């Protein structure tokens, strides 16, 4: 399908808004009615010599990561459906709902750690490249490590 320049601008803004404001993936945006293919979208980015479209898309994906982070809090705080009453009137834990919420949170945490590892990742990797033998150091943040006494006994 051919799109006029005006149609492109309208469609691109709709995509950017859905990514930025609603936290949608590009794939979800492009599945909506009257949307271009993924190839067409990337072609538009490539053809934009000003870089404005690419900048807007990059900013939208940054916003999406923050939106996903906020979704984690909403999902974790939501208690709806966590319990139910059995046939005898006893309150029971709904393990399916709780496990599904855990899966949703874990999936979002995994995605965030890849999208913005510096902000949402939990591992820091430093590589020292001096000499013949590079040294790779992995550090996992742990609050107990913050209170380790030094040789002189000072924390």
Protein backbone atom coordinates (compact mmCIF):
# COMPACT_ATOMS: atom_id res chain seq x y z
CA UNK A 1 0.00 0.00 0.00
CA UNK A 2 1.23 3.49 -0.85
CA UNK A 3 0.99 6.24 1.72
CA UNK A 4 1.03 9.95 1.06
CA UNK A 5 3.43 12.09 3.09
CA UNK A 6 0.51 13.39 5.13
CA UNK A 7 -0.73 9.84 5.82
CA UNK A 8 2.78 8.80 6.86
CA UNK A 9 3.00 11.64 9.35
CA UNK A 10 -0.38 10.78 10.89
CA UNK A 11 0.43 7.07 11.07
CA UNK A 12 3.90 7.67 12.46
CA UNK A 13 2.54 9.96 15.18
CA UNK A 14 -0.05 7.33 16.10
CA UNK A 15 2.66 4.68 16.37
CA UNK A 16 4.93 6.91 18.44
CA UNK A 17 2.08 7.88 20.77
CA UNK A 18 1.11 4.25 21.32
CA UNK A 19 4.68 3.28 22.09
CA UNK A 20 5.40 6.29 24.28
CA UNK A 21 2.11 6.79 26.09
CA UNK A 22 0.65 3.28 26.17
CA UNK A 23 3.82 1.19 26.35
CA UNK A 24 2.93 -0.76 23.19
CA UNK A 25 5.52 -2.72 21.27
CA UNK A 26 6.07 -1.77 17.65
CA UNK A 27 4.57 -5.12 16.65
CA UNK A 28 1.38 -4.39 18.59
CA UNK A 29 1.11 -0.94 16.98
CA UNK A 30 1.53 -2.33 13.49
CA UNK A 31 -1.14 -4.99 14.03
CA UNK A 32 -3.80 -2.29 14.27
CA UNK A 33 -6.06 -1.57 11.31
CA UNK A 34 -4.60 0.47 8.42
CA UNK A 35 -1.04 0.25 9.68
CA UNK A 36 2.00 -0.36 7.48
CA UNK A 37 4.16 -3.45 7.62
CA UNK A 38 7.21 -3.57 9.84
CA UNK A 39 9.40 -3.34 6.76
CA UNK A 40 7.60 -0.19 5.62
CA UNK A 41 7.99 1.41 9.05
CA UNK A 42 11.75 0.78 9.07
CA UNK A 43 11.97 2.01 5.48
CA UNK A 44 10.39 5.29 6.60
CA UNK A 45 13.00 5.61 9.35
CA UNK A 46 15.79 4.92 6.89
CA UNK A 47 14.46 7.37 4.29
CA UNK A 48 14.19 10.23 6.81
CA UNK A 49 17.33 12.26 6.13
CA UNK A 50 16.58 14.75 8.93
CA UNK A 51 16.73 12.06 11.62
CA UNK A 52 13.59 13.45 13.26
CA UNK A 53 11.64 10.21 12.86
CA UNK A 54 14.48 8.13 14.30
CA UNK A 55 14.88 10.55 17.21
CA UNK A 56 11.16 10.45 17.94
CA UNK A 57 11.13 6.66 17.78
CA UNK A 58 14.17 6.43 20.09
CA UNK A 59 12.53 8.78 22.61
CA UNK A 60 9.30 6.78 22.44
CA UNK A 61 11.12 3.53 23.20
CA UNK A 62 12.78 5.22 26.21
CA UNK A 63 9.34 6.30 27.42
CA UNK A 64 8.02 2.78 26.83
CA UNK A 65 10.64 1.35 29.18
CA UNK A 66 9.53 3.72 31.93
CA UNK A 67 5.90 2.81 31.21
CA UNK A 68 6.76 -0.89 31.58
CA UNK A 69 8.51 -0.15 34.88
CA UNK A 70 5.36 1.54 36.18
CA UNK A 71 3.25 -1.41 34.99
CA UNK A 72 5.33 -3.71 37.19
CA UNK A 73 4.29 -1.74 40.25
CA UNK A 74 0.62 -1.77 39.23
CA UNK A 75 0.65 -5.52 38.60
CA UNK A 76 2.46 -6.25 41.87
CA UNK A 77 0.07 -4.07 43.89
CA UNK A 78 -3.09 -5.48 42.28
CA UNK A 79 -4.81 -7.94 44.64
CA UNK A 80 -7.98 -8.44 42.60
CA UNK A 81 -8.71 -12.14 42.18
CA UNK A 82 -5.92 -13.24 44.54
CA UNK A 83 -8.49 -14.98 46.73
CA UNK A 84 -11.86 -16.62 46.26
CA UNK A 85 -14.48 -18.31 48.39
CA UNK A 86 -14.82 -22.05 48.04
CA UNK A 87 -18.19 -23.82 48.14
CA UNK A 88 -18.05 -23.90 51.96
CA UNK A 89 -17.45 -20.14 52.21
CA UNK A 90 -13.76 -20.44 53.10
CA UNK A 91 -11.36 -17.93 51.62
CA UNK A 92 -8.78 -19.62 49.38
CA UNK A 93 -5.71 -18.35 47.59
CA UNK A 94 -6.08 -18.25 43.82
CA UNK A 95 -2.67 -19.57 42.79
CA UNK A 96 -3.40 -19.21 39.07
CA UNK A 97 -3.98 -15.47 39.35
CA UNK A 98 -0.96 -14.97 41.58
CA UNK A 99 1.33 -17.04 39.35
CA UNK A 100 0.11 -15.20 36.26
CA UNK A 101 0.88 -11.86 37.92
CA UNK A 102 4.34 -13.16 38.86
CA UNK A 103 4.93 -14.23 35.25
CA UNK A 104 3.82 -10.81 33.96
CA UNK A 105 6.17 -9.03 36.38
CA UNK A 106 9.10 -11.34 35.61
CA UNK A 107 8.64 -10.94 31.85
CA UNK A 108 8.62 -7.16 32.19
CA UNK A 109 11.68 -7.18 34.44
CA UNK A 110 13.55 -9.33 31.91
CA UNK A 111 12.59 -7.02 29.03
CA UNK A 112 13.56 -3.91 30.98
CA UNK A 113 16.94 -5.35 31.89
CA UNK A 114 17.62 -5.72 28.16
CA UNK A 115 16.02 -2.48 27.02
CA UNK A 116 17.77 -0.26 29.56
CA UNK A 117 20.39 -2.33 31.38
CA UNK A 118 22.09 0.67 32.96
CA UNK A 119 18.87 1.84 34.55
CA UNK A 120 16.95 -1.40 35.17
CA UNK A 121 19.57 -4.14 35.01
CA UNK A 122 20.84 -5.76 38.20
CA UNK A 123 24.32 -6.68 37.06
CA UNK A 124 27.32 -4.52 36.42
CA UNK A 125 30.13 -5.82 34.23
CA UNK A 126 33.50 -4.12 34.09
CA UNK A 127 36.25 -5.22 31.75
CA UNK A 128 39.82 -4.22 32.43
CA UNK A 129 41.74 -4.41 29.18
CA UNK A 130 45.26 -3.62 30.28
CA UNK A 131 48.09 -5.89 29.26
CA UNK A 132 47.83 -9.32 27.67
CA UNK A 133 45.08 -10.75 29.88
CA UNK A 134 41.78 -8.83 30.01
CA UNK A 135 39.91 -9.27 33.28
CA UNK A 136 36.12 -9.37 33.38
CA UNK A 137 34.46 -8.49 36.68
CA UNK A 138 30.77 -9.13 37.33
CA UNK A 139 29.16 -7.45 40.32
CA UNK A 140 25.70 -8.17 41.62
CA UNK A 141 24.36 -5.46 43.87
CA UNK A 142 23.65 -6.56 47.40
CA UNK A 143 22.90 -4.17 50.25
CA UNK A 144 24.94 -6.33 52.65
CA UNK A 145 28.04 -5.47 50.64
CA UNK A 146 27.57 -1.79 51.41
CA UNK A 147 28.39 -2.36 55.10
CA UNK A 148 31.56 -4.41 54.72
CA UNK A 149 34.22 -3.22 57.19
CA UNK A 150 37.56 -2.13 55.77
CA UNK A 151 40.96 -3.27 57.09
CA UNK A 152 41.02 -0.37 59.55
CA UNK A 153 37.61 -1.40 60.95
CA UNK A 154 35.76 1.59 59.43
CA UNK A 155 32.49 0.92 57.58
